[in-house]
Each structure stands twice: as C-alpha cells, then as structure tokens.
Amino acid sequence: MRPVLHIPSWIQPHSRESASNLEQEKEQILDMLNSVSLNTELLRLGQGDREDINAITNRLAARTKTVDVTVNTPRSAEQERALSSVNHLIDGVVEKLQEDMQAGKDVGSLLETCRRYLNACNPEQPDGPIDQRFQAQLIECTADDQKKIRRKLAQLITQLERAERTFTPQW
C-alpha cells in the first residue's frame, strides 16, 4: 500500500514539468510561424504566393493560440507587483518594436534594451551592461517567473535580430 502514497508526490512535479514543456512548445511553434512571416525570401515570391503563405501561417498561428496551457505559480502580493512591472517594461519594448517596424525605423536600440534586460537575468555572467531598474524588479519575482522572463527575452532578441536582418539591406 505504501507505493500508492508516493504517487501524488510524483505526479505534481511531473505534471507541472509536462505542462511547462507544452507551454514552451507552443511558444516555439508561434516563434517559428513568426519567422516564416518575417523571412526575406518571401519578398522574392509573387504576390499570390506571399498571400497564400501569410494566410496559412495566420491560420496556423490562430489555431495554435486556441490551445491554452497554463501553469499557475503561487505568488505573494509583492511578487505579483514585480511581475507586472517586469511585464510592463517588456511590453513597452514590444509596442515600440511594432511602431518602429511599421515606420521602417532601426530596431537596434530596442535590441540593446532587450540585451540589457537579459543580462539582468544572468547577473553572475552578464554578456554586457545590465539594466539596474529591470533587475531590481526581476529579483522580486519567483524563480519560475524569472525562468519564463529569461526565455521570453531570449525569444524577443531572436525576433529583433531577425527583424533587423529583414529590414536592413544586406550589401
């Protein structure tokens, strides 16, 4: 009868890990679909082919977004505020990115901001300057939230680098 008592202690971390992996897989699929949309090779295709590819990627992205995987993380009020503040800073970069891309502006400064944020996530081994304000808020977040934020920033940097290559002429 004892082995049955150990099942709940095994299931909780295993199910959280599996759900977290599904959440990451969903993010990766959406990132791949986004990279298809930003691919410079599309510019070489005819208008009809581009429209078909965009329609397919939009349909797949919409279908992927209907899958809702949520891993709830218990947080104190301070941790909630810190997470909200960190997300607000990241959302500000994303909004500015969209504005700059529509206006055809350089995204280099946004890329640098994201790198400073990511360096704040790795204070032991920063790869450049750190954003102190971001780091102060990040430290107050839960460890799970910090991991998610680090992943989110790494994906955002990849998208920014891709956008920079796409919208910058390669001579």
C-alpha atoms as a PDB file:
ATOM      1  CA  MET A   1       0.000   0.000   0.000  1.00  0.00           C
ATOM      2  CA  ARG A   2       2.946   2.334   0.514  1.00  0.00           C
ATOM      3  CA  PRO A   3       3.738   2.892  -3.215  1.00  0.00           C
ATOM      4  CA  VAL A   4       0.278   4.409  -3.702  1.00  0.00           C
ATOM      5  CA  LEU A   5       1.140   7.090  -1.149  1.00  0.00           C
ATOM      6  CA  HIS A   6       4.091   8.211  -3.275  1.00  0.00           C
ATOM      7  CA  ILE A   7       2.052   8.716  -6.445  1.00  0.00           C
ATOM      8  CA  PRO A   8       0.752  12.214  -5.534  1.00  0.00           C
ATOM      9  CA  SER A   9       4.258  13.415  -4.661  1.00  0.00           C
ATOM     10  CA  TRP A  10       5.481  12.165  -8.057  1.00  0.00           C
ATOM     11  CA  ILE A  11       2.519  13.443 -10.095  1.00  0.00           C
ATOM     12  CA  GLN A  12       2.603  17.110  -9.054  1.00  0.00           C
ATOM     13  CA  PRO A  13       6.163  17.982 -10.176  1.00  0.00           C
ATOM     14  CA  HIS A  14       5.842  15.714 -13.223  1.00  0.00           C
ATOM     15  CA  SER A  15       2.565  17.303 -14.334  1.00  0.00           C
ATOM     16  CA  ARG A  16       3.933  20.833 -13.763  1.00  0.00           C
ATOM     17  CA  GLU A  17       7.010  19.966 -15.806  1.00  0.00           C
ATOM     18  CA  SER A  18       4.926  18.453 -18.618  1.00  0.00           C
ATOM     19  CA  ALA A  19       2.598  21.463 -18.701  1.00  0.00           C
ATOM     20  CA  SER A  20       5.583  23.801 -18.706  1.00  0.00           C
ATOM     21  CA  ASN A  21       7.087  21.864 -21.634  1.00  0.00           C
ATOM     22  CA  LEU A  22       3.797  22.195 -23.536  1.00  0.00           C
ATOM     23  CA  GLU A  23       3.789  25.919 -22.831  1.00  0.00           C
ATOM     24  CA  GLN A  24       7.339  26.197 -24.213  1.00  0.00           C
ATOM     25  CA  GLU A  25       6.434  24.118 -27.269  1.00  0.00           C
ATOM     26  CA  LYS A  26       3.508  26.427 -28.021  1.00  0.00           C
ATOM     27  CA  GLU A  27       5.838  29.439 -27.785  1.00  0.00           C
ATOM     28  CA  GLN A  28       8.315  27.755 -30.144  1.00  0.00           C
ATOM     29  CA  ILE A  29       5.609  26.995 -32.713  1.00  0.00           C
ATOM     30  CA  LEU A  30       4.405  30.602 -32.642  1.00  0.00           C
ATOM     31  CA  ASP A  31       8.006  31.794 -32.969  1.00  0.00           C
ATOM     32  CA  MET A  32       8.573  29.552 -35.999  1.00  0.00           C
ATOM     33  CA  LEU A  33       5.391  30.847 -37.638  1.00  0.00           C
ATOM     34  CA  ASN A  34       6.511  34.403 -36.938  1.00  0.00           C
ATOM     35  CA  SER A  35       9.895  33.716 -38.513  1.00  0.00           C
ATOM     36  CA  VAL A  36       8.148  32.485 -41.664  1.00  0.00           C
ATOM     37  CA  SER A  37       6.264  35.783 -41.838  1.00  0.00           C
ATOM     38  CA  LEU A  38       9.478  37.793 -41.436  1.00  0.00           C
ATOM     39  CA  ASN A  39      11.543  35.703 -43.861  1.00  0.00           C
ATOM     40  CA  THR A  40      13.136  37.865 -46.550  1.00  0.00           C
ATOM     41  CA  GLU A  41      12.796  35.020 -49.047  1.00  0.00           C
ATOM     42  CA  LEU A  42       9.060  35.819 -49.157  1.00  0.00           C
ATOM     43  CA  LEU A  43       9.899  39.078 -50.905  1.00  0.00           C
ATOM     44  CA  ARG A  44      11.207  37.078 -53.866  1.00  0.00           C
ATOM     45  CA  LEU A  45       7.898  35.255 -54.316  1.00  0.00           C
ATOM     46  CA  GLY A  46       4.957  36.509 -56.302  1.00  0.00           C
ATOM     47  CA  GLN A  47       2.134  38.390 -54.603  1.00  0.00           C
ATOM     48  CA  GLY A  48      -0.220  35.379 -54.780  1.00  0.00           C
ATOM     49  CA  ASP A  49       2.302  33.010 -53.197  1.00  0.00           C
ATOM     50  CA  ARG A  50       3.065  35.512 -50.431  1.00  0.00           C
ATOM     51  CA  GLU A  51      -0.643  35.907 -49.695  1.00  0.00           C
ATOM     52  CA  ASP A  52      -1.090  32.114 -49.576  1.00  0.00           C
ATOM     53  CA  ILE A  53       1.847  31.674 -47.200  1.00  0.00           C
ATOM     54  CA  ASN A  54       0.655  34.524 -44.977  1.00  0.00           C
ATOM     55  CA  ALA A  55      -2.881  33.088 -44.903  1.00  0.00           C
ATOM     56  CA  ILE A  56      -1.564  29.650 -43.926  1.00  0.00           C
ATOM     57  CA  THR A  57       0.772  30.997 -41.213  1.00  0.00           C
ATOM     58  CA  ASN A  58      -2.005  33.230 -39.839  1.00  0.00           C
ATOM     59  CA  ARG A  59      -4.413  30.276 -39.753  1.00  0.00           C
ATOM     60  CA  LEU A  60      -1.841  28.049 -38.017  1.00  0.00           C
ATOM     61  CA  ALA A  61      -0.978  30.793 -35.521  1.00  0.00           C
ATOM     62  CA  ALA A  62      -4.668  31.344 -34.741  1.00  0.00           C
ATOM     63  CA  ARG A  63      -5.160  27.601 -34.260  1.00  0.00           C
ATOM     64  CA  THR A  64      -2.076  27.368 -32.034  1.00  0.00           C
ATOM     65  CA  LYS A  65      -3.285  30.285 -29.923  1.00  0.00           C
ATOM     66  CA  THR A  66      -6.541  28.427 -29.196  1.00  0.00           C
ATOM     67  CA  VAL A  67      -4.529  25.930 -27.154  1.00  0.00           C
ATOM     68  CA  ASP A  68      -4.421  27.286 -23.634  1.00  0.00           C
ATOM     69  CA  VAL A  69      -1.723  25.839 -21.406  1.00  0.00           C
ATOM     70  CA  THR A  70      -1.460  27.483 -18.024  1.00  0.00           C
ATOM     71  CA  VAL A  71       0.922  26.696 -15.210  1.00  0.00           C
ATOM     72  CA  ASN A  72      -0.137  28.741 -12.209  1.00  0.00           C
ATOM     73  CA  THR A  73       2.654  29.954  -9.979  1.00  0.00           C
ATOM     74  CA  PRO A  74       1.802  30.882  -6.389  1.00  0.00           C
ATOM     75  CA  ARG A  75       2.936  34.480  -5.739  1.00  0.00           C
ATOM     76  CA  SER A  76       2.835  36.966  -2.899  1.00  0.00           C
ATOM     77  CA  ALA A  77       1.431  40.457  -3.494  1.00  0.00           C
ATOM     78  CA  GLU A  78       4.983  41.815  -3.859  1.00  0.00           C
ATOM     79  CA  GLN A  79       5.846  39.141  -6.415  1.00  0.00           C
ATOM     80  CA  GLU A  80       2.645  39.942  -8.364  1.00  0.00           C
ATOM     81  CA  ARG A  81       3.592  43.630  -8.463  1.00  0.00           C
ATOM     82  CA  ALA A  82       7.162  42.854  -9.521  1.00  0.00           C
ATOM     83  CA  LEU A  83       5.994  40.507 -12.293  1.00  0.00           C
ATOM     84  CA  SER A  84       3.505  43.100 -13.506  1.00  0.00           C
ATOM     85  CA  SER A  85       6.237  45.745 -13.573  1.00  0.00           C
ATOM     86  CA  VAL A  86       8.667  43.480 -15.467  1.00  0.00           C
ATOM     87  CA  ASN A  87       5.974  42.532 -17.998  1.00  0.00           C
ATOM     88  CA  HIS A  88       5.096  46.210 -18.424  1.00  0.00           C
ATOM     89  CA  LEU A  89       8.731  47.004 -19.286  1.00  0.00           C
ATOM     90  CA  ILE A  90       8.913  44.128 -21.783  1.00  0.00           C
ATOM     91  CA  ASP A  91       5.534  45.049 -23.309  1.00  0.00           C
ATOM     92  CA  GLY A  92       6.831  48.592 -23.785  1.00  0.00           C
ATOM     93  CA  VAL A  93       9.707  47.231 -25.869  1.00  0.00           C
ATOM     94  CA  VAL A  94       7.319  45.064 -27.925  1.00  0.00           C
ATOM     95  CA  GLU A  95       4.976  48.007 -28.590  1.00  0.00           C
ATOM     96  CA  LYS A  96       7.893  50.224 -29.604  1.00  0.00           C
ATOM     97  CA  LEU A  97       9.162  47.438 -31.874  1.00  0.00           C
ATOM     98  CA  GLN A  98       5.833  47.259 -33.682  1.00  0.00           C
ATOM     99  CA  GLU A  99       5.709  51.045 -34.083  1.00  0.00           C
ATOM    100  CA  ASP A 100       9.300  51.236 -35.339  1.00  0.00           C
ATOM    101  CA  MET A 101       8.860  48.362 -37.784  1.00  0.00           C
ATOM    102  CA  GLN A 102       5.729  49.959 -39.243  1.00  0.00           C
ATOM    103  CA  ALA A 103       7.597  53.243 -39.596  1.00  0.00           C
ATOM    104  CA  GLY A 104      10.625  51.482 -41.098  1.00  0.00           C
ATOM    105  CA  LYS A 105      12.879  52.633 -38.254  1.00  0.00           C
ATOM    106  CA  ASP A 106      16.014  50.918 -36.965  1.00  0.00           C
ATOM    107  CA  VAL A 107      15.372  48.438 -34.130  1.00  0.00           C
ATOM    108  CA  GLY A 108      18.978  48.444 -32.877  1.00  0.00           C
ATOM    109  CA  SER A 109      18.250  50.441 -29.712  1.00  0.00           C
ATOM    110  CA  LEU A 110      15.404  48.077 -28.806  1.00  0.00           C
ATOM    111  CA  LEU A 111      17.701  45.122 -29.325  1.00  0.00           C
ATOM    112  CA  GLU A 112      20.215  46.720 -26.953  1.00  0.00           C
ATOM    113  CA  THR A 113      17.469  47.306 -24.353  1.00  0.00           C
ATOM    114  CA  CYS A 114      16.437  43.646 -24.536  1.00  0.00           C
ATOM    115  CA  ARG A 115      20.044  42.535 -24.154  1.00  0.00           C
ATOM    116  CA  ARG A 116      20.385  44.712 -21.045  1.00  0.00           C
ATOM    117  CA  TYR A 117      17.207  43.110 -19.665  1.00  0.00           C
ATOM    118  CA  LEU A 118      18.505  39.611 -20.454  1.00  0.00           C
ATOM    119  CA  ASN A 119      21.866  40.440 -18.852  1.00  0.00           C
ATOM    120  CA  ALA A 120      19.921  41.438 -15.739  1.00  0.00           C
ATOM    121  CA  CYS A 121      18.567  37.871 -15.700  1.00  0.00           C
ATOM    122  CA  ASN A 122      22.134  36.497 -15.650  1.00  0.00           C
ATOM    123  CA  PRO A 123      23.952  38.724 -13.137  1.00  0.00           C
ATOM    124  CA  GLU A 124      26.655  36.094 -12.496  1.00  0.00           C
ATOM    125  CA  GLN A 125      27.664  36.004 -16.170  1.00  0.00           C
ATOM    126  CA  PRO A 126      26.354  39.124 -17.884  1.00  0.00           C
ATOM    127  CA  ASP A 127      27.115  39.467 -21.570  1.00  0.00           C
ATOM    128  CA  GLY A 128      27.314  43.249 -21.391  1.00  0.00           C
ATOM    129  CA  PRO A 129      25.639  46.048 -19.438  1.00  0.00           C
ATOM    130  CA  ILE A 130      22.709  45.372 -17.084  1.00  0.00           C
ATOM    131  CA  ASP A 131      19.513  47.386 -16.697  1.00  0.00           C
ATOM    132  CA  GLN A 132      19.503  48.019 -12.940  1.00  0.00           C
ATOM    133  CA  ARG A 133      15.829  49.059 -12.752  1.00  0.00           C
ATOM    134  CA  PHE A 134      14.746  45.892 -14.569  1.00  0.00           C
ATOM    135  CA  GLN A 135      16.986  43.748 -12.370  1.00  0.00           C
ATOM    136  CA  ALA A 136      15.573  45.275  -9.174  1.00  0.00           C
ATOM    137  CA  GLN A 137      12.055  44.253 -10.251  1.00  0.00           C
ATOM    138  CA  LEU A 138      13.153  40.860 -11.576  1.00  0.00           C
ATOM    139  CA  ILE A 139      14.795  39.871  -8.284  1.00  0.00           C
ATOM    140  CA  GLU A 140      11.425  40.196  -6.558  1.00  0.00           C
ATOM    141  CA  CYS A 141       9.794  37.695  -8.972  1.00  0.00           C
ATOM    142  CA  THR A 142       9.518  33.962  -8.278  1.00  0.00           C
ATOM    143  CA  ALA A 143      12.195  31.641  -9.660  1.00  0.00           C
ATOM    144  CA  ASP A 144       9.663  30.167 -12.133  1.00  0.00           C
ATOM    145  CA  ASP A 145       8.740  33.643 -13.343  1.00  0.00           C
ATOM    146  CA  GLN A 146      12.409  34.559 -13.748  1.00  0.00           C
ATOM    147  CA  LYS A 147      12.942  31.497 -15.969  1.00  0.00           C
ATOM    148  CA  LYS A 148       9.911  32.392 -18.102  1.00  0.00           C
ATOM    149  CA  ILE A 149      11.066  36.006 -18.392  1.00  0.00           C
ATOM    150  CA  ARG A 150      14.554  34.879 -19.431  1.00  0.00           C
ATOM    151  CA  ARG A 151      13.038  32.625 -22.131  1.00  0.00           C
ATOM    152  CA  LYS A 152      10.686  35.387 -23.286  1.00  0.00           C
ATOM    153  CA  LEU A 153      13.561  37.864 -23.595  1.00  0.00           C
ATOM    154  CA  ALA A 154      15.735  35.369 -25.483  1.00  0.00           C
ATOM    155  CA  GLN A 155      12.885  34.811 -27.960  1.00  0.00           C
ATOM    156  CA  LEU A 156      12.316  38.550 -28.281  1.00  0.00           C
ATOM    157  CA  ILE A 157      16.019  39.116 -29.004  1.00  0.00           C
ATOM    158  CA  THR A 158      15.890  36.425 -31.691  1.00  0.00           C
ATOM    159  CA  GLN A 159      12.870  38.147 -33.255  1.00  0.00           C
ATOM    160  CA  LEU A 160      14.560  41.547 -33.079  1.00  0.00           C
ATOM    161  CA  GLU A 161      17.725  40.198 -34.704  1.00  0.00           C
ATOM    162  CA  ARG A 162      15.608  38.611 -37.415  1.00  0.00           C
ATOM    163  CA  ALA A 163      13.680  41.861 -37.931  1.00  0.00           C
ATOM    164  CA  GLU A 164      16.922  43.816 -38.069  1.00  0.00           C
ATOM    165  CA  ARG A 165      18.287  41.480 -40.776  1.00  0.00           C
ATOM    166  CA  THR A 166      14.988  41.590 -42.653  1.00  0.00           C
ATOM    167  CA  PHE A 167      14.638  45.347 -42.722  1.00  0.00           C
ATOM    168  CA  THR A 168      18.329  46.220 -43.080  1.00  0.00           C
ATOM    169  CA  PRO A 169      19.764  45.922 -46.592  1.00  0.00           C
ATOM    170  CA  GLN A 170      22.488  43.280 -46.786  1.00  0.00           C
ATOM    171  CA  TRP A 171      25.151  44.603 -49.183  1.00  0.00           C
END
